[in-house]
Amino acid sequence: KIARTLLEERLIACANIFPEVISAYWWEGKIEEGQEQVMIIKTKANLMSRVVARVKELHSYSCPCVVFFQIKDGNPEFLQWIDTEVKGE
């Protein structure tokens, strides 16, 4: 649902979803473990704050993990495709 919404709103160009991962983490003073999903999305740097805000609105967690990795280089055609597809409208 989150990926589809971000795509429909043109905030991202693509989402890769890993449906079942095991996460271990500290939460409210104790170590927890559980199944989660991981989503890697492709967007533009200038839309990071909007993507974070939208994920927080849509996610069931009170503190969802949303982190960004800067792309330093890559396939020029792929990077152009991201730029073309992401509008942020």
C-alpha atoms as a PDB file:
ATOM      1  CA  LYS A   1       0.000   0.000   0.000  1.00  0.00           C
ATOM      2  CA  ILE A   2       2.752   2.459   0.879  1.00  0.00           C
ATOM      3  CA  ALA A   3       4.710   1.790  -2.315  1.00  0.00           C
ATOM      4  CA  ARG A   4       1.623   2.073  -4.481  1.00  0.00           C
ATOM      5  CA  THR A   5       0.615   5.380  -2.864  1.00  0.00           C
ATOM      6  CA  LEU A   6       4.101   6.864  -3.276  1.00  0.00           C
ATOM      7  CA  LEU A   7       4.115   5.755  -6.923  1.00  0.00           C
ATOM      8  CA  GLU A   8       0.650   7.173  -7.601  1.00  0.00           C
ATOM      9  CA  GLU A   9       1.694  10.479  -6.036  1.00  0.00           C
ATOM     10  CA  ARG A  10       4.848  10.466  -8.225  1.00  0.00           C
ATOM     11  CA  LEU A  11       7.078  10.801  -5.157  1.00  0.00           C
ATOM     12  CA  ILE A  12       9.116   7.762  -6.223  1.00  0.00           C
ATOM     13  CA  ALA A  13      10.070   6.105  -9.506  1.00  0.00           C
ATOM     14  CA  CYS A  14      10.368   2.549  -8.205  1.00  0.00           C
ATOM     15  CA  ALA A  15       9.997   0.391  -5.105  1.00  0.00           C
ATOM     16  CA  ASN A  16      11.701  -2.944  -4.449  1.00  0.00           C
ATOM     17  CA  ILE A  17       9.883  -4.830  -1.696  1.00  0.00           C
ATOM     18  CA  PHE A  18      11.461  -7.616   0.339  1.00  0.00           C
ATOM     19  CA  PRO A  19       8.362  -9.215   1.874  1.00  0.00           C
ATOM     20  CA  GLU A  20       9.869 -11.170   4.777  1.00  0.00           C
ATOM     21  CA  VAL A  21      12.896 -10.155   6.802  1.00  0.00           C
ATOM     22  CA  ILE A  22      13.657 -10.782  10.460  1.00  0.00           C
ATOM     23  CA  SER A  23      14.531  -7.655  12.414  1.00  0.00           C
ATOM     24  CA  ALA A  24      16.068  -7.484  15.893  1.00  0.00           C
ATOM     25  CA  TYR A  25      15.979  -4.096  17.601  1.00  0.00           C
ATOM     26  CA  TRP A  26      15.684  -2.157  20.829  1.00  0.00           C
ATOM     27  CA  TRP A  27      12.152  -0.935  21.550  1.00  0.00           C
ATOM     28  CA  GLU A  28      10.889   0.621  24.773  1.00  0.00           C
ATOM     29  CA  GLY A  29      13.804  -0.668  26.845  1.00  0.00           C
ATOM     30  CA  LYS A  30      13.973  -4.245  25.611  1.00  0.00           C
ATOM     31  CA  ILE A  31      15.219  -6.247  22.666  1.00  0.00           C
ATOM     32  CA  GLU A  32      12.477  -7.240  20.244  1.00  0.00           C
ATOM     33  CA  GLU A  33      12.499  -9.516  17.222  1.00  0.00           C
ATOM     34  CA  GLY A  34       9.918  -9.843  14.513  1.00  0.00           C
ATOM     35  CA  GLN A  35       9.086 -10.168  10.846  1.00  0.00           C
ATOM     36  CA  GLU A  36       9.011  -6.992   8.824  1.00  0.00           C
ATOM     37  CA  GLN A  37       9.122  -5.864   5.214  1.00  0.00           C
ATOM     38  CA  VAL A  38      11.930  -3.826   3.697  1.00  0.00           C
ATOM     39  CA  MET A  39      11.304  -1.431   0.857  1.00  0.00           C
ATOM     40  CA  ILE A  40      14.005   0.227  -1.231  1.00  0.00           C
ATOM     41  CA  ILE A  41      12.689   3.190  -3.167  1.00  0.00           C
ATOM     42  CA  LYS A  42      14.198   5.432  -5.809  1.00  0.00           C
ATOM     43  CA  THR A  43      13.440   9.144  -5.613  1.00  0.00           C
ATOM     44  CA  LYS A  44      15.060  12.573  -5.843  1.00  0.00           C
ATOM     45  CA  ALA A  45      17.013  14.182  -3.008  1.00  0.00           C
ATOM     46  CA  ASN A  46      14.751  17.243  -2.983  1.00  0.00           C
ATOM     47  CA  LEU A  47      11.738  15.041  -2.162  1.00  0.00           C
ATOM     48  CA  MET A  48      13.218  13.294   0.885  1.00  0.00           C
ATOM     49  CA  SER A  49      11.243  15.260   3.462  1.00  0.00           C
ATOM     50  CA  ARG A  50       7.971  14.704   1.576  1.00  0.00           C
ATOM     51  CA  VAL A  51       8.665  10.967   1.275  1.00  0.00           C
ATOM     52  CA  VAL A  52       9.422  10.716   5.011  1.00  0.00           C
ATOM     53  CA  ALA A  53       6.265  12.628   5.917  1.00  0.00           C
ATOM     54  CA  ARG A  54       4.091  10.500   3.642  1.00  0.00           C
ATOM     55  CA  VAL A  55       5.551   7.198   4.878  1.00  0.00           C
ATOM     56  CA  LYS A  56       4.941   8.303   8.472  1.00  0.00           C
ATOM     57  CA  GLU A  57       1.311   9.082   7.601  1.00  0.00           C
ATOM     58  CA  LEU A  58       0.773   5.700   5.928  1.00  0.00           C
ATOM     59  CA  HIS A  59       2.849   3.361   8.126  1.00  0.00           C
ATOM     60  CA  SER A  60       1.422   1.458  11.081  1.00  0.00           C
ATOM     61  CA  TYR A  61       4.575   1.995  13.198  1.00  0.00           C
ATOM     62  CA  SER A  62       4.920   5.095  15.353  1.00  0.00           C
ATOM     63  CA  CYS A  63       8.598   5.316  14.334  1.00  0.00           C
ATOM     64  CA  PRO A  64       9.113   3.721  10.894  1.00  0.00           C
ATOM     65  CA  CYS A  65      12.664   3.368   9.582  1.00  0.00           C
ATOM     66  CA  VAL A  66      13.105   5.737   6.655  1.00  0.00           C
ATOM     67  CA  VAL A  67      16.732   6.360   5.691  1.00  0.00           C
ATOM     68  CA  PHE A  68      18.359   7.682   2.533  1.00  0.00           C
ATOM     69  CA  PHE A  69      21.495   6.657   0.671  1.00  0.00           C
ATOM     70  CA  GLN A  70      22.958   9.234  -1.669  1.00  0.00           C
ATOM     71  CA  ILE A  71      23.618   8.015  -5.204  1.00  0.00           C
ATOM     72  CA  LYS A  72      27.073   9.225  -6.216  1.00  0.00           C
ATOM     73  CA  ASP A  73      27.114   7.609  -9.638  1.00  0.00           C
ATOM     74  CA  GLY A  74      25.325   5.009 -11.700  1.00  0.00           C
ATOM     75  CA  ASN A  75      23.862   4.093 -15.042  1.00  0.00           C
ATOM     76  CA  PRO A  76      23.098   7.508 -16.591  1.00  0.00           C
ATOM     77  CA  GLU A  77      19.982   6.195 -18.348  1.00  0.00           C
ATOM     78  CA  PHE A  78      18.615   4.800 -15.090  1.00  0.00           C
ATOM     79  CA  LEU A  79      19.289   8.038 -13.224  1.00  0.00           C
ATOM     80  CA  GLN A  80      17.604   9.998 -16.014  1.00  0.00           C
ATOM     81  CA  TRP A  81      14.625   7.628 -15.810  1.00  0.00           C
ATOM     82  CA  ILE A  82      14.257   8.424 -12.085  1.00  0.00           C
ATOM     83  CA  ASP A  83      14.424  12.140 -12.852  1.00  0.00           C
ATOM     84  CA  THR A  84      11.790  11.782 -15.577  1.00  0.00           C
ATOM     85  CA  GLU A  85       9.343   9.655 -13.583  1.00  0.00           C
ATOM     86  CA  VAL A  86       9.452  11.457 -10.229  1.00  0.00           C
ATOM     87  CA  LYS A  87       7.371  14.615 -10.312  1.00  0.00           C
ATOM     88  CA  GLY A  88       6.440  15.177  -6.682  1.00  0.00           C
ATOM     89  CA  GLU A  89       3.003  16.446  -7.659  1.00  0.00           C
END
